[in-house]
Amino acid sequence: QLETNSDILVQKANMALNKYKMNIVVANLLATYKDQVIIVTNGARNTVRTRNSDDDLEEQIIKLLAQKHSKYIC
């Protein structure tokens, strides 16, 4: 289910982190799901956006997740 309120979205993402013992949640709003996601970790929140219609949101998400994973395993 896509959320429409960013505060509720982040709250649900934080609950999922705790409930499912995850390290990271990629969350998105219904209105901006093609252009923006919020990456939620314990104690941090990053927003990833496309700069223009040619940008690939998935590539940006993968880069950020790879960076976070590298820091996590080191």
PDB file of N, CA and C in Angstrom:
ATOM      1  N   GLN A   1       0.842  -1.175   0.000  1.00  0.00           N
ATOM      2  CA  GLN A   1       0.000   0.000   0.000  1.00  0.00           C
ATOM      3  C   GLN A   1       0.883   1.231   0.000  1.00  0.00           C
ATOM      4  N   LEU A   2       0.653   2.121  -0.944  1.00  0.00           N
ATOM      5  CA  LEU A   2       1.408   3.361  -1.004  1.00  0.00           C
ATOM      6  C   LEU A   2       0.756   4.396  -0.096  1.00  0.00           C
ATOM      7  N   GLU A   3       1.567   5.075   0.663  1.00  0.00           N
ATOM      8  CA  GLU A   3       1.101   6.068   1.633  1.00  0.00           C
ATOM      9  C   GLU A   3       1.021   7.437   0.963  1.00  0.00           C
ATOM     10  N   THR A   4       0.185   8.319   1.517  1.00  0.00           N
ATOM     11  CA  THR A   4       0.029   9.669   0.977  1.00  0.00           C
ATOM     12  C   THR A   4       0.566  10.742   1.912  1.00  0.00           C
ATOM     13  N   ASN A   5       0.929  10.378   3.132  1.00  0.00           N
ATOM     14  CA  ASN A   5       1.440  11.330   4.115  1.00  0.00           C
ATOM     15  C   ASN A   5       2.864  10.934   4.486  1.00  0.00           C
ATOM     16  N   SER A   6       3.824  11.849   4.295  1.00  0.00           N
ATOM     17  CA  SER A   6       5.231  11.493   4.514  1.00  0.00           C
ATOM     18  C   SER A   6       5.547  11.186   5.971  1.00  0.00           C
ATOM     19  N   ASP A   7       4.891  11.866   6.906  1.00  0.00           N
ATOM     20  CA  ASP A   7       5.140  11.575   8.322  1.00  0.00           C
ATOM     21  C   ASP A   7       4.685  10.162   8.686  1.00  0.00           C
ATOM     22  N   ILE A   8       3.518   9.782   8.201  1.00  0.00           N
ATOM     23  CA  ILE A   8       3.005   8.433   8.452  1.00  0.00           C
ATOM     24  C   ILE A   8       3.893   7.405   7.753  1.00  0.00           C
ATOM     25  N   LEU A   9       4.344   7.728   6.549  1.00  0.00           N
ATOM     26  CA  LEU A   9       5.218   6.829   5.801  1.00  0.00           C
ATOM     27  C   LEU A   9       6.492   6.520   6.578  1.00  0.00           C
ATOM     28  N   VAL A  10       7.144   7.547   7.095  1.00  0.00           N
ATOM     29  CA  VAL A  10       8.385   7.350   7.845  1.00  0.00           C
ATOM     30  C   VAL A  10       8.109   6.595   9.140  1.00  0.00           C
ATOM     31  N   GLN A  11       6.993   6.890   9.782  1.00  0.00           N
ATOM     32  CA  GLN A  11       6.617   6.175  11.005  1.00  0.00           C
ATOM     33  C   GLN A  11       6.432   4.681  10.708  1.00  0.00           C
ATOM     34  N   LYS A  12       5.745   4.359   9.622  1.00  0.00           N
ATOM     35  CA  LYS A  12       5.545   2.955   9.246  1.00  0.00           C
ATOM     36  C   LYS A  12       6.865   2.289   8.874  1.00  0.00           C
ATOM     37  N   ALA A  13       7.744   3.029   8.214  1.00  0.00           N
ATOM     38  CA  ALA A  13       9.056   2.480   7.856  1.00  0.00           C
ATOM     39  C   ALA A  13       9.854   2.163   9.109  1.00  0.00           C
ATOM     40  N   ASN A  14       9.828   3.055  10.090  1.00  0.00           N
ATOM     41  CA  ASN A  14      10.530   2.802  11.354  1.00  0.00           C
ATOM     42  C   ASN A  14       9.940   1.604  12.088  1.00  0.00           C
ATOM     43  N   MET A  15       8.618   1.462  12.058  1.00  0.00           N
ATOM     44  CA  MET A  15       7.988   0.299  12.688  1.00  0.00           C
ATOM     45  C   MET A  15       8.419  -0.990  11.987  1.00  0.00           C
ATOM     46  N   ALA A  16       8.521  -0.953  10.658  1.00  0.00           N
ATOM     47  CA  ALA A  16       8.959  -2.134   9.909  1.00  0.00           C
ATOM     48  C   ALA A  16      10.404  -2.487  10.243  1.00  0.00           C
ATOM     49  N   LEU A  17      11.266  -1.469  10.410  1.00  0.00           N
ATOM     50  CA  LEU A  17      12.658  -1.723  10.800  1.00  0.00           C
ATOM     51  C   LEU A  17      12.709  -2.531  12.090  1.00  0.00           C
ATOM     52  N   ASN A  18      11.920  -2.122  13.060  1.00  0.00           N
ATOM     53  CA  ASN A  18      11.916  -2.792  14.362  1.00  0.00           C
ATOM     54  C   ASN A  18      11.209  -4.144  14.320  1.00  0.00           C
ATOM     55  N   LYS A  19      10.044  -4.181  13.710  1.00  0.00           N
ATOM     56  CA  LYS A  19       9.240  -5.404  13.709  1.00  0.00           C
ATOM     57  C   LYS A  19       9.932  -6.551  12.974  1.00  0.00           C
ATOM     58  N   TYR A  20      10.520  -6.248  11.835  1.00  0.00           N
ATOM     59  CA  TYR A  20      11.111  -7.293  10.999  1.00  0.00           C
ATOM     60  C   TYR A  20      12.630  -7.372  11.126  1.00  0.00           C
ATOM     61  N   LYS A  21      13.193  -6.600  12.084  1.00  0.00           N
ATOM     62  CA  LYS A  21      14.646  -6.623  12.353  1.00  0.00           C
ATOM     63  C   LYS A  21      15.457  -6.326  11.087  1.00  0.00           C
ATOM     64  N   MET A  22      15.018  -5.317  10.339  1.00  0.00           N
ATOM     65  CA  MET A  22      15.707  -4.931   9.109  1.00  0.00           C
ATOM     66  C   MET A  22      16.697  -3.812   9.395  1.00  0.00           C
ATOM     67  N   ASN A  23      17.587  -3.580   8.462  1.00  0.00           N
ATOM     68  CA  ASN A  23      18.562  -2.505   8.576  1.00  0.00           C
ATOM     69  C   ASN A  23      18.174  -1.283   7.759  1.00  0.00           C
ATOM     70  N   ILE A  24      17.328  -1.489   6.757  1.00  0.00           N
ATOM     71  CA  ILE A  24      16.980  -0.389   5.860  1.00  0.00           C
ATOM     72  C   ILE A  24      15.611  -0.643   5.235  1.00  0.00           C
ATOM     73  N   VAL A  25      14.869   0.446   5.006  1.00  0.00           N
ATOM     74  CA  VAL A  25      13.574   0.372   4.336  1.00  0.00           C
ATOM     75  C   VAL A  25      13.565   1.430   3.235  1.00  0.00           C
ATOM     76  N   VAL A  26      13.135   1.032   2.049  1.00  0.00           N
ATOM     77  CA  VAL A  26      12.938   1.972   0.952  1.00  0.00           C
ATOM     78  C   VAL A  26      11.440   2.257   0.905  1.00  0.00           C
ATOM     79  N   ALA A  27      11.071   3.506   1.158  1.00  0.00           N
ATOM     80  CA  ALA A  27       9.663   3.873   1.265  1.00  0.00           C
ATOM     81  C   ALA A  27       9.323   4.930   0.212  1.00  0.00           C
ATOM     82  N   ASN A  28       8.085   4.889  -0.276  1.00  0.00           N
ATOM     83  CA  ASN A  28       7.690   5.903  -1.249  1.00  0.00           C
ATOM     84  C   ASN A  28       6.247   6.340  -1.048  1.00  0.00           C
ATOM     85  N   LEU A  29       5.989   7.565  -1.470  1.00  0.00           N
ATOM     86  CA  LEU A  29       4.656   8.142  -1.401  1.00  0.00           C
ATOM     87  C   LEU A  29       3.918   7.901  -2.712  1.00  0.00           C
ATOM     88  N   LEU A  30       2.617   7.802  -2.636  1.00  0.00           N
ATOM     89  CA  LEU A  30       1.802   7.580  -3.823  1.00  0.00           C
ATOM     90  C   LEU A  30       2.021   8.682  -4.862  1.00  0.00           C
ATOM     91  N   ALA A  31       2.084   9.927  -4.422  1.00  0.00           N
ATOM     92  CA  ALA A  31       2.178  11.056  -5.351  1.00  0.00           C
ATOM     93  C   ALA A  31       3.528  11.164  -6.052  1.00  0.00           C
ATOM     94  N   THR A  32       4.579  10.596  -5.454  1.00  0.00           N
ATOM     95  CA  THR A  32       5.926  10.794  -6.006  1.00  0.00           C
ATOM     96  C   THR A  32       6.680   9.485  -6.225  1.00  0.00           C
ATOM     97  N   TYR A  33       5.981   8.376  -6.308  1.00  0.00           N
ATOM     98  CA  TYR A  33       6.659   7.078  -6.336  1.00  0.00           C
ATOM     99  C   TYR A  33       7.566   6.877  -7.547  1.00  0.00           C
ATOM    100  N   LYS A  34       7.347   7.596  -8.624  1.00  0.00           N
ATOM    101  CA  LYS A  34       8.205   7.448  -9.802  1.00  0.00           C
ATOM    102  C   LYS A  34       9.441   8.337  -9.736  1.00  0.00           C
ATOM    103  N   ASP A  35       9.407   9.360  -8.886  1.00  0.00           N
ATOM    104  CA  ASP A  35      10.458  10.376  -8.868  1.00  0.00           C
ATOM    105  C   ASP A  35      11.249  10.452  -7.572  1.00  0.00           C
ATOM    106  N   GLN A  36      10.749   9.839  -6.505  1.00  0.00           N
ATOM    107  CA  GLN A  36      11.383  10.039  -5.202  1.00  0.00           C
ATOM    108  C   GLN A  36      11.092   8.876  -4.270  1.00  0.00           C
ATOM    109  N   VAL A  37      12.098   8.493  -3.483  1.00  0.00           N
ATOM    110  CA  VAL A  37      11.912   7.518  -2.414  1.00  0.00           C
ATOM    111  C   VAL A  37      12.621   8.030  -1.173  1.00  0.00           C
ATOM    112  N   ILE A  38      12.220   7.507  -0.037  1.00  0.00           N
ATOM    113  CA  ILE A  38      12.870   7.826   1.228  1.00  0.00           C
ATOM    114  C   ILE A  38      13.532   6.548   1.720  1.00  0.00           C
ATOM    115  N   ILE A  39      14.834   6.636   1.984  1.00  0.00           N
ATOM    116  CA  ILE A  39      15.596   5.515   2.518  1.00  0.00           C
ATOM    117  C   ILE A  39      15.666   5.718   4.026  1.00  0.00           C
ATOM    118  N   VAL A  40      15.083   4.797   4.785  1.00  0.00           N
ATOM    119  CA  VAL A  40      15.020   4.921   6.238  1.00  0.00           C
ATOM    120  C   VAL A  40      15.893   3.842   6.869  1.00  0.00           C
ATOM    121  N   THR A  41      16.799   4.272   7.749  1.00  0.00           N
ATOM    122  CA  THR A  41      17.616   3.357   8.536  1.00  0.00           C
ATOM    123  C   THR A  41      17.423   3.728   9.996  1.00  0.00           C
ATOM    124  N   ASN A  42      17.995   2.952  10.892  1.00  0.00           N
ATOM    125  CA  ASN A  42      17.894   3.297  12.305  1.00  0.00           C
ATOM    126  C   ASN A  42      18.585   4.632  12.547  1.00  0.00           C
ATOM    127  N   GLY A  43      17.801   5.651  12.845  1.00  0.00           N
ATOM    128  CA  GLY A  43      18.352   6.958  13.165  1.00  0.00           C
ATOM    129  C   GLY A  43      18.671   7.851  11.985  1.00  0.00           C
ATOM    130  N   ALA A  44      18.367   7.453  10.771  1.00  0.00           N
ATOM    131  CA  ALA A  44      18.677   8.298   9.616  1.00  0.00           C
ATOM    132  C   ALA A  44      17.591   8.182   8.552  1.00  0.00           C
ATOM    133  N   ARG A  45      17.537   9.222   7.741  1.00  0.00           N
ATOM    134  CA  ARG A  45      16.561   9.255   6.654  1.00  0.00           C
ATOM    135  C   ARG A  45      17.183  10.020   5.483  1.00  0.00           C
ATOM    136  N   ASN A  46      17.214   9.409   4.305  1.00  0.00           N
ATOM    137  CA  ASN A  46      17.741  10.043   3.103  1.00  0.00           C
ATOM    138  C   ASN A  46      16.662  10.035   2.037  1.00  0.00           C
ATOM    139  N   THR A  47      16.553  11.129   1.310  1.00  0.00           N
ATOM    140  CA  THR A  47      15.619  11.193   0.196  1.00  0.00           C
ATOM    141  C   THR A  47      16.400  11.100  -1.105  1.00  0.00           C
ATOM    142  N   VAL A  48      15.955  10.216  -1.983  1.00  0.00           N
ATOM    143  CA  VAL A  48      16.570  10.049  -3.298  1.00  0.00           C
ATOM    144  C   VAL A  48      15.550  10.532  -4.318  1.00  0.00           C
ATOM    145  N   ARG A  49      15.989  11.479  -5.172  1.00  0.00           N
ATOM    146  CA  ARG A  49      15.090  12.049  -6.180  1.00  0.00           C
ATOM    147  C   ARG A  49      15.729  11.968  -7.563  1.00  0.00           C
ATOM    148  N   THR A  50      14.889  11.911  -8.575  1.00  0.00           N
ATOM    149  CA  THR A  50      15.401  12.060  -9.937  1.00  0.00           C
ATOM    150  C   THR A  50      15.569  13.546 -10.197  1.00  0.00           C
ATOM    151  N   ARG A  51      16.597  13.900 -10.956  1.00  0.00           N
ATOM    152  CA  ARG A  51      16.836  15.310 -11.277  1.00  0.00           C
ATOM    153  C   ARG A  51      16.036  15.741 -12.504  1.00  0.00           C
ATOM    154  N   ASN A  52      15.848  14.807 -13.421  1.00  0.00           N
ATOM    155  CA  ASN A  52      15.070  15.090 -14.632  1.00  0.00           C
ATOM    156  C   ASN A  52      14.472  13.783 -15.138  1.00  0.00           C
ATOM    157  N   SER A  53      13.731  13.870 -16.206  1.00  0.00           N
ATOM    158  CA  SER A  53      13.018  12.681 -16.697  1.00  0.00           C
ATOM    159  C   SER A  53      13.952  11.605 -17.244  1.00  0.00           C
ATOM    160  N   ASP A  54      15.204  11.965 -17.543  1.00  0.00           N
ATOM    161  CA  ASP A  54      16.158  10.977 -18.055  1.00  0.00           C
ATOM    162  C   ASP A  54      16.845  10.184 -16.951  1.00  0.00           C
ATOM    163  N   ASP A  55      16.788  10.667 -15.725  1.00  0.00           N
ATOM    164  CA  ASP A  55      17.424   9.974 -14.602  1.00  0.00           C
ATOM    165  C   ASP A  55      16.680   8.683 -14.283  1.00  0.00           C
ATOM    166  N   ASP A  56      17.427   7.707 -13.839  1.00  0.00           N
ATOM    167  CA  ASP A  56      16.849   6.424 -13.449  1.00  0.00           C
ATOM    168  C   ASP A  56      16.858   6.326 -11.927  1.00  0.00           C
ATOM    169  N   LEU A  57      15.697   6.386 -11.321  1.00  0.00           N
ATOM    170  CA  LEU A  57      15.580   6.352  -9.868  1.00  0.00           C
ATOM    171  C   LEU A  57      16.157   5.064  -9.297  1.00  0.00           C
ATOM    172  N   GLU A  58      15.919   3.944  -9.970  1.00  0.00           N
ATOM    173  CA  GLU A  58      16.404   2.661  -9.474  1.00  0.00           C
ATOM    174  C   GLU A  58      17.931   2.629  -9.378  1.00  0.00           C
ATOM    175  N   GLU A  59      18.614   3.217 -10.356  1.00  0.00           N
ATOM    176  CA  GLU A  59      20.077   3.249 -10.310  1.00  0.00           C
ATOM    177  C   GLU A  59      20.574   4.035  -9.101  1.00  0.00           C
ATOM    178  N   GLN A  60      19.925   5.143  -8.807  1.00  0.00           N
ATOM    179  CA  GLN A  60      20.305   5.947  -7.648  1.00  0.00           C
ATOM    180  C   GLN A  60      20.063   5.181  -6.348  1.00  0.00           C
ATOM    181  N   ILE A  61      18.948   4.456  -6.282  1.00  0.00           N
ATOM    182  CA  ILE A  61      18.644   3.656  -5.092  1.00  0.00           C
ATOM    183  C   ILE A  61      19.706   2.572  -4.913  1.00  0.00           C
ATOM    184  N   ILE A  62      20.056   1.895  -5.996  1.00  0.00           N
ATOM    185  CA  ILE A  62      21.058   0.825  -5.922  1.00  0.00           C
ATOM    186  C   ILE A  62      22.398   1.369  -5.452  1.00  0.00           C
ATOM    187  N   LYS A  63      22.817   2.524  -5.965  1.00  0.00           N
ATOM    188  CA  LYS A  63      24.084   3.130  -5.531  1.00  0.00           C
ATOM    189  C   LYS A  63      24.073   3.394  -4.031  1.00  0.00           C
ATOM    190  N   LEU A  64      22.991   4.000  -3.549  1.00  0.00           N
ATOM    191  CA  LEU A  64      22.908   4.320  -2.123  1.00  0.00           C
ATOM    192  C   LEU A  64      22.881   3.053  -1.277  1.00  0.00           C
ATOM    193  N   LEU A  65      22.118   2.051  -1.696  1.00  0.00           N
ATOM    194  CA  LEU A  65      22.060   0.797  -0.943  1.00  0.00           C
ATOM    195  C   LEU A  65      23.413   0.090  -0.935  1.00  0.00           C
ATOM    196  N   ALA A  66      24.122   0.135  -2.054  1.00  0.00           N
ATOM    197  CA  ALA A  66      25.453  -0.476  -2.116  1.00  0.00           C
ATOM    198  C   ALA A  66      26.413   0.233  -1.168  1.00  0.00           C
ATOM    199  N   GLN A  67      26.349   1.556  -1.102  1.00  0.00           N
ATOM    200  CA  GLN A  67      27.190   2.313  -0.172  1.00  0.00           C
ATOM    201  C   GLN A  67      26.862   1.952   1.270  1.00  0.00           C
ATOM    202  N   LYS A  68      25.577   1.927   1.583  1.00  0.00           N
ATOM    203  CA  LYS A  68      25.155   1.590   2.949  1.00  0.00           C
ATOM    204  C   LYS A  68      25.590   0.169   3.310  1.00  0.00           C
ATOM    205  N   HIS A  69      25.463  -0.755   2.373  1.00  0.00           N
ATOM    206  CA  HIS A  69      25.845  -2.144   2.623  1.00  0.00           C
ATOM    207  C   HIS A  69      27.349  -2.257   2.859  1.00  0.00           C
ATOM    208  N   SER A  70      28.132  -1.546   2.052  1.00  0.00           N
ATOM    209  CA  SER A  70      29.589  -1.572   2.227  1.00  0.00           C
ATOM    210  C   SER A  70      29.986  -1.077   3.609  1.00  0.00           C
ATOM    211  N   LYS A  71      29.342  -0.019   4.073  1.00  0.00           N
ATOM    212  CA  LYS A  71      29.631   0.498   5.418  1.00  0.00           C
ATOM    213  C   LYS A  71      29.194  -0.504   6.485  1.00  0.00           C
ATOM    214  N   TYR A  72      28.085  -1.179   6.242  1.00  0.00           N
ATOM    215  CA  TYR A  72      27.538  -2.129   7.213  1.00  0.00           C
ATOM    216  C   TYR A  72      28.440  -3.346   7.391  1.00  0.00           C
ATOM    217  N   ILE A  73      29.004  -3.855   6.301  1.00  0.00           N
ATOM    218  CA  ILE A  73      29.800  -5.083   6.404  1.00  0.00           C
ATOM    219  C   ILE A  73      31.246  -4.821   6.808  1.00  0.00           C
ATOM    220  N   CYS A  74      31.678  -3.576   6.736  1.00  0.00           N
ATOM    221  CA  CYS A  74      33.078  -3.266   7.109  1.00  0.00           C
ATOM    222  C   CYS A  74      33.251  -3.056   8.593  1.00  0.00           C
TER     223      CYS A  74
END
